[in-house]
């Protein structure tokens, strides 16, 4: 990964581009951002991966509902980061928070991945 990052920097310098490179060694991920990508844009980009996981995970997976509703909450917040939330958005956040609560309670009752009930 280090060699790839160094080669990428070399290419960028030859093309006279301005980018930021971020390495996540733990997950073997290399991210390249243009200078126009502030932290909010980076967060929204990362959230797209989380949303894709939530959308493509089978609903019978015990953690699906938590991932799905948490990602949707974050999606609403990041979309409206620099603006006020309206009543419909607040209502949806509240509904999804209740869904999160129910999903967590279900995991406690069903025992999650290993089937061991939590009391």
Protein backbone atom coordinates (compact mmCIF):
# COMPACT_ATOMS: atom_id res chain seq x y z
CA UNK A 1 0.00 0.00 0.00
CA UNK A 2 2.84 2.37 0.81
CA UNK A 3 4.37 1.89 -2.65
CA UNK A 4 0.97 2.55 -4.27
CA UNK A 5 0.55 5.75 -2.30
CA UNK A 6 4.03 6.94 -3.24
CA UNK A 7 3.45 6.15 -6.93
CA UNK A 8 0.12 7.97 -6.83
CA UNK A 9 1.78 11.03 -5.35
CA UNK A 10 4.37 10.91 -8.12
CA UNK A 11 1.67 10.76 -10.81
CA UNK A 12 -0.22 13.63 -9.21
CA UNK A 13 2.92 15.77 -9.12
CA UNK A 14 3.64 15.06 -12.81
CA UNK A 15 0.07 16.03 -13.73
CA UNK A 16 0.22 19.09 -11.46
CA UNK A 17 -2.90 18.08 -9.56
CA UNK A 18 -3.73 18.82 -5.97
CA UNK A 19 -5.13 15.89 -4.01
CA UNK A 20 -5.19 14.43 -0.55
CA UNK A 21 -4.44 10.75 0.00
CA UNK A 22 -5.72 8.85 3.00
CA UNK A 23 -4.62 5.33 3.86
CA UNK A 24 -6.60 2.98 6.07
CA UNK A 25 -4.07 0.21 6.64
CA UNK A 26 -6.38 -1.74 8.93
CA UNK A 27 -8.97 -2.19 6.17
CA UNK A 28 -6.61 -2.03 3.17
CA UNK A 29 -8.31 1.05 1.75
CA UNK A 30 -6.66 3.93 -0.06
CA UNK A 31 -8.78 7.04 -0.58
CA UNK A 32 -8.00 9.91 -2.92
CA UNK A 33 -9.70 13.28 -2.49
CA UNK A 34 -9.50 16.46 -4.50
CA UNK A 35 -8.89 19.69 -2.64
CA UNK A 36 -12.59 20.47 -2.98
CA UNK A 37 -13.48 17.55 -0.71
CA UNK A 38 -13.98 19.00 2.75
CA UNK A 39 -14.77 16.84 5.79
CA UNK A 40 -18.51 16.95 5.14
CA UNK A 41 -18.06 15.69 1.57
CA UNK A 42 -15.69 13.00 2.82
CA UNK A 43 -18.22 11.90 5.43
CA UNK A 44 -21.00 11.77 2.84
CA UNK A 45 -18.78 9.70 0.56
CA UNK A 46 -18.01 7.23 3.35
CA UNK A 47 -21.68 7.07 4.26
CA UNK A 48 -22.48 5.94 0.72
CA UNK A 49 -20.49 2.77 1.43
CA UNK A 50 -22.39 2.24 4.68
CA UNK A 51 -25.71 2.82 2.91
CA UNK A 52 -24.76 0.35 0.18
CA UNK A 53 -23.98 -2.26 2.83
CA UNK A 54 -27.30 -1.57 4.57
CA UNK A 55 -29.26 -1.68 1.29
CA UNK A 56 -27.67 -4.92 0.13
CA UNK A 57 -27.65 -6.83 3.42
CA UNK A 58 -30.45 -9.34 3.74
CA UNK A 59 -33.19 -8.20 6.10
CA UNK A 60 -32.91 -11.45 8.06
CA UNK A 61 -29.38 -10.49 9.23
CA UNK A 62 -29.73 -9.62 12.92
CA UNK A 63 -27.91 -6.30 12.57
CA UNK A 64 -29.54 -5.17 9.32
CA UNK A 65 -32.16 -2.91 10.89
CA UNK A 66 -29.62 -1.18 13.12
CA UNK A 67 -27.23 -0.54 10.23
CA UNK A 68 -30.02 0.55 7.90
CA UNK A 69 -31.75 2.97 10.27
CA UNK A 70 -28.52 4.39 11.70
CA UNK A 71 -27.23 5.01 8.16
CA UNK A 72 -30.49 6.69 7.16
CA UNK A 73 -30.31 8.93 10.25
CA UNK A 74 -26.77 9.95 9.32
CA UNK A 75 -27.82 10.48 5.71
CA UNK A 76 -30.52 12.94 6.75
CA UNK A 77 -28.15 14.76 9.10
CA UNK A 78 -25.32 15.05 6.59
CA UNK A 79 -27.66 16.21 3.82
CA UNK A 80 -28.96 18.98 6.07
CA UNK A 81 -25.68 19.67 7.91
CA UNK A 82 -25.66 23.38 7.13
CA UNK A 83 -29.42 23.89 7.31
CA UNK A 84 -32.28 23.47 9.75
CA UNK A 85 -34.19 20.21 9.83
CA UNK A 86 -37.86 20.57 8.94
CA UNK A 87 -40.74 18.88 10.78
CA UNK A 88 -40.87 15.91 8.36
CA UNK A 89 -37.16 15.26 8.77
CA UNK A 90 -37.40 15.48 12.54
CA UNK A 91 -40.33 13.07 12.48
CA UNK A 92 -38.34 10.65 10.33
CA UNK A 93 -35.34 10.88 12.64
CA UNK A 94 -37.59 10.14 15.59
CA UNK A 95 -39.25 7.20 13.79
CA UNK A 96 -35.87 5.74 12.83
CA UNK A 97 -34.60 6.17 16.40
CA UNK A 98 -37.58 4.12 17.61
CA UNK A 99 -36.77 1.51 14.94
CA UNK A 100 -33.19 1.39 16.26
CA UNK A 101 -34.47 0.85 19.77
CA UNK A 102 -36.74 -2.00 18.64
CA UNK A 103 -33.93 -3.61 16.64
CA UNK A 104 -31.64 -3.53 19.67
CA UNK A 105 -34.36 -4.99 21.88
CA UNK A 106 -34.93 -7.75 19.32
CA UNK A 107 -31.23 -8.64 19.39
CA UNK A 108 -31.39 -8.82 23.18
CA UNK A 109 -34.39 -11.16 22.99
CA UNK A 110 -33.13 -13.29 20.09
CA UNK A 111 -29.51 -13.41 21.13
CA UNK A 112 -27.91 -11.75 18.10
CA UNK A 113 -25.40 -13.68 16.01
CA UNK A 114 -24.65 -16.42 18.53
CA UNK A 115 -28.23 -16.95 19.69
CA UNK A 116 -27.39 -16.35 23.35
CA UNK A 117 -30.17 -14.28 24.89
CA UNK A 118 -29.06 -11.22 26.81
CA UNK A 119 -30.86 -10.32 30.00
